[in-house]
Amino acid sequence: MQPEDIIKQYEAKINLHHFNEVEPLLSDECVIWFADGSYSGKTEIQAAFEKTWQTLNNDMYWLEHVVWIAKGDNVATCIYQFNWETEIDSKTIAGKGRGTTVLRKENEEWKIIHEHLSPFA
C-alpha cells in the first residue's frame, strides 16, 4: 500500500467509531495534535478518539483537497481540509479545518506518525 491508501483507509475507519479499526494505521510513536490537546502514543490517542465518539452522535469525518507536499521512500506528508458533521441536542452542526498528516515507513508498512488538526481561524 501507498501513503494515499493509508489516508483513505484512515478517513473511512475513523467513521466506524472503533479504535481497533484505526489503531493498525498508527505508529507506536504517533503524536496527534487536536484543537483540544496533544496526544502521544496509542493509549492517549485511543482515549481522545473514544471521548469524541462518546460525546458526539452520528458524527462523520471526511477529507477534501488532499495535497501531497512531500513524498519519499520512507516519509510522506499531506495537507488537507477536514470536515465533520454531527448531531447535538437533535440539531445537526458541522465544521471544517485544516490538517497535516505525516506518514513513515516502518517494517515496509506505511504508518501515521503525526497528525495536526486545527480549525480555520
Protein backbone atom coordinates (compact mmCIF):
# COMPACT_ATOMS: atom_id res chain seq x y z
CA MET A 1 0.00 0.00 0.00
CA GLN A 2 0.99 3.59 -0.65
CA PRO A 3 0.56 6.61 1.65
CA GLU A 4 -2.54 7.67 -0.29
CA ASP A 5 -4.15 4.33 0.51
CA ILE A 6 -3.42 4.72 4.23
CA ILE A 7 -5.02 8.18 4.31
CA LYS A 8 -8.15 6.86 2.57
CA GLN A 9 -8.34 3.94 4.99
CA TYR A 10 -7.83 6.23 7.97
CA GLU A 11 -10.64 8.51 6.81
CA ALA A 12 -13.01 5.55 6.39
CA LYS A 13 -12.04 3.74 9.60
CA ILE A 14 -12.49 6.82 11.80
CA ASN A 15 -16.15 6.78 10.82
CA LEU A 16 -16.55 3.22 12.13
CA HIS A 17 -16.02 4.59 15.67
CA HIS A 18 -13.94 1.61 16.83
CA PHE A 19 -10.33 2.33 17.75
CA ASN A 20 -9.28 -1.23 16.88
CA GLU A 21 -10.02 -0.29 13.25
CA VAL A 22 -7.84 2.85 13.37
CA GLU A 23 -5.00 1.53 15.56
CA PRO A 24 -3.19 -0.59 12.90
CA LEU A 25 -2.67 2.54 10.78
CA LEU A 26 -0.83 4.38 13.57
CA SER A 27 2.81 4.17 14.53
CA ASP A 28 3.50 3.20 18.12
CA GLU A 29 5.26 6.58 18.33
CA CYS A 30 2.36 8.56 16.87
CA VAL A 31 1.69 12.09 18.13
CA ILE A 32 -1.62 13.78 17.35
CA TRP A 33 -2.41 17.45 17.91
CA PHE A 34 -6.10 18.27 18.04
CA ALA A 35 -7.69 21.63 18.92
CA ASP A 36 -8.39 20.30 22.43
CA GLY A 37 -4.93 18.93 23.17
CA SER A 38 -1.90 16.89 22.21
CA TYR A 39 -1.81 13.10 22.46
CA SER A 40 1.27 10.91 22.33
CA GLY A 41 1.20 7.14 21.91
CA LYS A 42 -1.69 4.84 21.15
CA THR A 43 -3.12 4.80 24.69
CA GLU A 44 -3.57 8.59 24.82
CA ILE A 45 -4.77 8.70 21.21
CA GLN A 46 -7.32 5.96 21.86
CA ALA A 47 -8.70 7.86 24.86
CA ALA A 48 -9.03 11.04 22.76
CA PHE A 49 -10.83 9.25 19.93
CA GLU A 50 -13.17 7.38 22.27
CA LYS A 51 -14.04 10.55 24.19
CA THR A 52 -15.02 12.22 20.92
CA TRP A 53 -17.04 9.25 19.74
CA GLN A 54 -18.91 9.05 23.07
CA THR A 55 -19.65 12.78 23.09
CA LEU A 56 -20.92 13.17 19.53
CA ASN A 57 -23.89 11.46 17.92
CA ASN A 58 -23.84 10.21 14.36
CA ASP A 59 -20.65 12.11 13.59
CA MET A 60 -18.99 11.85 10.21
CA TYR A 61 -15.49 12.93 9.23
CA TRP A 62 -14.06 13.35 5.74
CA LEU A 63 -11.18 14.96 3.89
CA GLU A 64 -11.09 17.24 0.87
CA HIS A 65 -8.35 18.88 -1.17
CA VAL A 66 -5.62 16.44 -0.13
CA VAL A 67 -2.25 17.66 -1.43
CA TRP A 68 0.94 15.63 -1.02
CA ILE A 69 3.63 18.17 -0.23
CA ALA A 70 6.46 15.67 0.31
CA LYS A 71 6.89 12.04 -0.74
CA GLY A 72 9.97 9.93 -0.38
CA ASP A 73 10.86 6.29 0.05
CA ASN A 74 10.30 6.38 3.83
CA VAL A 75 8.36 9.56 4.67
CA ALA A 76 5.33 11.28 3.13
CA THR A 77 3.34 14.34 4.18
CA CYS A 78 -0.04 15.63 3.08
CA ILE A 79 -2.15 18.68 3.88
CA TYR A 80 -5.92 18.86 3.51
CA GLN A 81 -9.21 20.31 4.60
CA PHE A 82 -11.01 18.14 7.12
CA ASN A 83 -14.77 18.26 7.57
CA TRP A 84 -17.07 16.99 10.28
CA GLU A 85 -20.77 16.83 10.88
CA THR A 86 -22.57 15.66 13.99
CA GLU A 87 -25.81 15.88 15.89
CA ILE A 88 -26.04 17.69 19.23
CA ASP A 89 -29.37 18.19 21.01
CA SER A 90 -31.20 16.94 17.90
CA LYS A 91 -29.54 19.63 15.77
CA THR A 92 -27.01 18.97 13.02
CA ILE A 93 -23.84 21.01 13.29
CA ALA A 94 -20.80 20.95 11.05
CA GLY A 95 -17.34 22.37 10.84
CA LYS A 96 -14.08 22.22 8.99
CA GLY A 97 -10.45 22.98 9.43
CA ARG A 98 -7.02 22.27 8.10
CA GLY A 99 -4.89 19.22 8.70
CA THR A 100 -1.43 17.82 8.18
CA THR A 101 -0.55 14.15 8.33
CA VAL A 102 2.96 12.70 8.26
CA LEU A 103 3.48 9.03 7.41
CA ARG A 104 6.61 6.98 7.96
CA LYS A 105 7.52 3.60 6.53
CA GLU A 106 8.04 1.08 9.35
CA ASN A 107 8.95 -2.52 8.54
CA GLU A 108 7.82 -1.97 4.94
CA GLU A 109 4.40 -0.62 6.03
CA TRP A 110 3.25 3.00 5.97
CA LYS A 111 2.11 4.27 9.39
CA ILE A 112 0.79 7.61 10.55
CA ILE A 113 3.45 9.15 12.80
CA HIS A 114 1.87 12.60 13.21
CA GLU A 115 -1.42 14.39 12.62
CA HIS A 116 -2.20 18.03 13.31
CA LEU A 117 -5.76 19.29 13.01
CA SER A 118 -6.82 22.88 13.67
CA PRO A 119 -9.93 24.91 12.93
CA PHE A 120 -9.79 27.64 10.34
CA ALA A 121 -9.05 30.96 12.03
